[in-house]
Protein backbone atom coordinates (compact mmCIF):
# COMPACT_ATOMS: atom_id res chain seq x y z
CA MET A 1 79.49 92.52 -2.29
CA SER A 2 76.43 93.45 -4.21
CA TYR A 3 73.68 95.75 -3.16
CA TRP A 4 71.36 92.77 -2.86
CA MET A 5 73.64 91.19 -0.31
CA LEU A 6 73.90 94.45 1.66
CA GLY A 7 70.11 94.75 1.57
CA PHE A 8 69.67 91.22 2.90
CA ILE A 9 72.20 91.84 5.68
CA ALA A 10 70.55 95.13 6.65
CA GLY A 11 67.10 93.48 6.56
CA GLY A 12 68.37 90.59 8.66
CA ALA A 13 69.85 92.99 11.18
CA VAL A 14 66.52 94.83 11.42
CA VAL A 15 64.67 91.54 11.93
CA VAL A 16 67.12 90.49 14.67
CA VAL A 17 66.78 93.86 16.46
CA VAL A 18 62.97 93.76 16.23
CA ALA A 19 62.95 90.15 17.47
CA LEU A 20 65.17 91.08 20.43
CA LEU A 21 62.92 94.02 21.26
CA LEU A 22 59.84 91.81 21.02
CA ILE A 23 61.43 89.21 23.31
CA GLY A 24 62.25 91.99 25.80
CA ILE A 25 58.68 93.29 25.67
CA ILE A 26 57.26 89.80 26.22
CA TYR A 27 59.63 89.21 29.14
CA GLN A 28 58.61 92.51 30.78
CA ALA A 29 54.91 91.79 30.18
CA LEU A 30 55.25 88.40 31.91
CA ARG A 31 57.11 90.04 34.80
CA ILE A 32 54.34 92.63 35.13
CA LEU A 33 51.74 89.85 35.05
CA ARG A 34 53.50 87.98 37.89
CA THR A 35 53.73 91.18 39.92
CA ALA A 36 50.06 91.97 39.28
CA ARG A 37 49.04 88.51 40.51
CA VAL A 38 51.04 88.99 43.70
CA ALA A 39 49.53 92.45 44.13
CA ALA A 40 46.01 91.06 43.65
CA ASP A 41 46.65 88.49 46.41
CA VAL A 42 47.97 91.21 48.71
CA VAL A 43 44.95 93.41 47.99
CA GLY A 44 42.69 90.50 48.94
CA GLN A 45 44.55 90.07 52.22
CA ILE A 46 44.39 93.81 52.93
CA ASP A 47 40.65 93.77 52.24
CA ALA A 48 40.13 90.84 54.62
CA ASN A 49 42.30 92.46 57.29
CA THR A 50 40.56 95.85 57.15
CA ARG A 51 36.96 94.61 57.21
CA PRO A 52 36.87 94.80 61.04
CA VAL A 53 37.86 98.46 60.82
CA TRP A 54 34.88 99.18 58.58
CA ALA A 55 32.67 97.15 60.93
CA LEU A 56 33.58 99.60 63.71
CA ARG A 57 31.30 102.15 62.04
CA ASP A 58 28.35 99.82 62.61
CA THR A 59 29.54 99.07 66.14
CA ASN A 60 29.76 102.77 66.94
CA LYS A 61 26.26 103.31 65.53
CA VAL A 62 24.83 100.58 67.78
CA ALA A 63 26.82 101.92 70.75
CA MET A 64 25.31 105.38 70.20
CA GLN A 65 21.81 103.87 70.13
CA ILE A 66 22.54 102.02 73.38
CA LEU A 67 23.87 105.24 74.92
CA GLU A 68 20.73 107.14 73.89
CA GLY A 69 18.60 104.40 75.46
CA ALA A 70 20.69 104.51 78.65
CA ARG A 71 20.28 108.30 78.83
CA ALA A 72 16.52 107.93 78.42
CA ILE A 73 16.44 105.34 81.22
CA ASP A 74 18.56 107.63 83.40
CA SER A 75 16.26 110.56 82.71
CA ASN A 76 13.16 108.48 83.51
CA ALA A 77 14.77 107.15 86.68
CA ALA A 78 15.65 110.68 87.79
CA THR A 79 12.06 111.77 87.15
CA ILE A 80 10.79 108.85 89.23
CA VAL A 81 13.22 109.68 92.04
CA ARG A 82 12.11 113.33 92.05
CA ALA A 83 8.45 112.30 92.02
CA LEU A 84 8.95 109.88 94.90
CA SER A 85 11.06 112.36 96.83
CA GLY A 86 8.45 115.08 96.40
CA ALA A 87 5.53 112.82 97.35
CA HIS A 88 7.27 111.50 100.45
CA GLY A 89 9.43 114.23 101.87
CA GLU A 90 10.91 111.95 104.52
CA ARG A 91 12.20 109.46 102.00
CA LYS A 92 15.47 110.37 100.17
CA ILE A 93 16.90 108.18 97.47
CA ALA A 94 20.47 108.90 96.46
């Protein structure tokens, strides 16, 4: 065998190895792409499922405003009761 023949065989072997590596890389890239698509769908579902949790912050804010209003009403009602009780000693409101 001549050196030319050995060179062609070695070059062919390198080409085959590089081709196999490239095929493996492409296969793994496609697998990662499929997994990423599934993950993106799952992230969308998680986002949709957790929106009510984030809405609780707004619900709690409104509930606190309602509670403050109820406390103000209670305070005003107590002031009215004291005023009426003081003006008419015989009348007691519980």
